[in-house]
Amino acid sequence: MIIAFDCDYTLWGEYDEPLYDNIQILLWFARRHHRIIVWSGGGSEHAMRCVKKLGLDDIAMKEKWDLVVTNKGRSEANEHKPDITFDDAIIELGKVNVRIIHPVSKRDPAERW
């Protein structure tokens, strides 16, 4: 399967912290040999910074994952439509789209969500 993860507010939190529960989901899929896409609406360079900050590039190389880092919604990511996407935004880029509510959302005004 092809599994896509957004960076901001999905893998990396608002207060510059890793979101470990979501990272564990990524690791679970990666270690079962699913293709992992890490993307960002901020561009592929931003997504690569996130991957490097989390050390996912080193783990991927060591464990030989199929890891793609790209812009959200770009042709590289959509070469094959993701089976599952994890994102804090309401998107329909995968066959199944899982919306992540980041921890600070409980303090955000309801209209934001």
Protein backbone atom coordinates (compact mmCIF):
# COMPACT_ATOMS: atom_id res chain seq x y z
CA MET A 1 0.00 0.00 0.00
CA ILE A 2 0.95 3.65 -0.35
CA ILE A 3 0.62 5.63 2.87
CA ALA A 4 1.05 9.45 2.93
CA PHE A 5 1.78 11.65 5.94
CA ASP A 6 1.71 15.43 6.12
CA CYS A 7 4.48 17.16 8.10
CA ASP A 8 3.08 20.10 10.03
CA TYR A 9 0.59 19.20 12.76
CA THR A 10 0.73 15.54 11.74
CA LEU A 11 4.35 14.47 12.27
CA TRP A 12 5.61 17.74 13.77
CA GLY A 13 3.65 19.81 16.29
CA GLU A 14 2.85 23.48 16.59
CA TYR A 15 5.30 23.95 19.46
CA ASP A 16 8.27 22.42 17.58
CA GLU A 17 7.80 18.94 18.99
CA PRO A 18 7.58 15.52 17.34
CA LEU A 19 4.11 13.98 17.44
CA TYR A 20 5.24 10.52 18.51
CA ASP A 21 1.88 8.74 18.27
CA ASN A 22 1.62 9.63 14.58
CA ILE A 23 5.29 8.81 13.98
CA GLN A 24 4.66 5.36 15.46
CA ILE A 25 1.87 4.83 12.92
CA LEU A 26 4.28 5.79 10.12
CA LEU A 27 6.90 3.38 11.48
CA TRP A 28 4.33 0.59 11.72
CA PHE A 29 3.46 0.89 8.03
CA ALA A 30 7.07 1.40 6.92
CA ARG A 31 8.29 -1.68 8.76
CA ARG A 32 5.65 -3.74 6.98
CA HIS A 33 7.10 -2.68 3.64
CA HIS A 34 4.45 -0.18 2.57
CA ARG A 35 5.56 2.80 0.47
CA ILE A 36 5.69 5.90 2.66
CA ILE A 37 5.14 9.39 1.29
CA VAL A 38 5.96 12.38 3.50
CA TRP A 39 4.64 15.56 1.98
CA SER A 40 3.96 19.17 2.78
CA GLY A 41 1.96 21.98 1.23
CA GLY A 42 5.08 24.03 2.08
CA GLY A 43 7.01 22.12 -0.57
CA SER A 44 9.35 19.18 -0.84
CA GLU A 45 12.24 21.05 0.81
CA HIS A 46 10.10 21.70 3.88
CA ALA A 47 9.03 18.04 3.92
CA MET A 48 12.68 16.95 3.69
CA ARG A 49 13.60 19.21 6.63
CA CYS A 50 10.84 17.54 8.66
CA VAL A 51 12.05 14.06 7.69
CA LYS A 52 15.64 14.94 8.61
CA LYS A 53 14.63 16.61 11.89
CA LEU A 54 12.82 13.43 12.91
CA GLY A 55 15.68 11.19 11.73
CA LEU A 56 13.33 9.32 9.41
CA ASP A 57 15.76 9.57 6.48
CA ASP A 58 18.45 7.68 8.45
CA ILE A 59 15.98 5.04 9.66
CA ALA A 60 14.59 4.64 6.13
CA MET A 61 18.07 4.11 4.69
CA LYS A 62 19.09 1.67 7.43
CA GLU A 63 15.84 -0.33 7.26
CA LYS A 64 15.50 0.05 3.45
CA TRP A 65 12.06 1.66 3.37
CA ASP A 66 10.42 2.89 0.23
CA LEU A 67 10.30 6.59 1.25
CA VAL A 68 9.20 9.44 -1.02
CA VAL A 69 9.42 13.10 0.12
CA THR A 70 7.45 15.56 -2.00
CA ASN A 71 5.03 18.49 -2.29
CA LYS A 72 1.51 17.70 -1.14
CA GLY A 73 -0.68 16.72 -4.05
CA ARG A 74 2.11 16.85 -6.68
CA SER A 75 2.57 14.30 -9.43
CA GLU A 76 5.38 12.50 -7.57
CA ALA A 77 2.99 11.79 -4.71
CA ASN A 78 0.12 10.96 -7.05
CA GLU A 79 2.03 8.67 -9.40
CA HIS A 80 -0.07 6.10 -7.61
CA LYS A 81 -2.90 7.45 -5.48
CA PRO A 82 -2.17 6.92 -1.79
CA ASP A 83 -4.27 4.22 -0.19
CA ILE A 84 -4.31 6.07 3.13
CA THR A 85 -3.43 9.69 3.96
CA PHE A 86 -2.83 11.14 7.42
CA ASP A 87 -3.19 14.91 7.54
CA ASP A 88 -4.46 17.64 9.85
CA ALA A 89 -6.30 19.27 6.92
CA ILE A 90 -9.51 18.04 5.40
CA ILE A 91 -8.19 16.52 2.20
CA GLU A 92 -9.30 13.92 -0.29
CA LEU A 93 -5.98 12.91 -1.81
CA GLY A 94 -6.10 9.25 -0.79
CA LYS A 95 -8.56 6.41 -1.11
CA VAL A 96 -8.98 6.69 2.69
CA ASN A 97 -8.22 10.03 4.39
CA VAL A 98 -7.52 10.15 8.13
CA ARG A 99 -7.74 13.58 9.70
CA ILE A 100 -5.33 14.18 12.57
CA ILE A 101 -6.51 16.58 15.24
CA HIS A 102 -3.35 17.96 16.77
CA PRO A 103 -3.17 18.24 20.56
CA VAL A 104 -3.51 22.03 20.76
CA SER A 105 -6.79 21.89 18.81
CA LYS A 106 -8.61 21.41 22.11
CA ARG A 107 -7.69 25.02 22.95
CA ASP A 108 -8.45 26.37 19.49
CA PRO A 109 -11.80 27.98 18.69
CA ALA A 110 -14.33 25.44 17.43
CA GLU A 111 -14.82 27.30 14.13
CA ARG A 112 -11.18 26.56 13.22
CA TRP A 113 -12.02 22.87 13.08
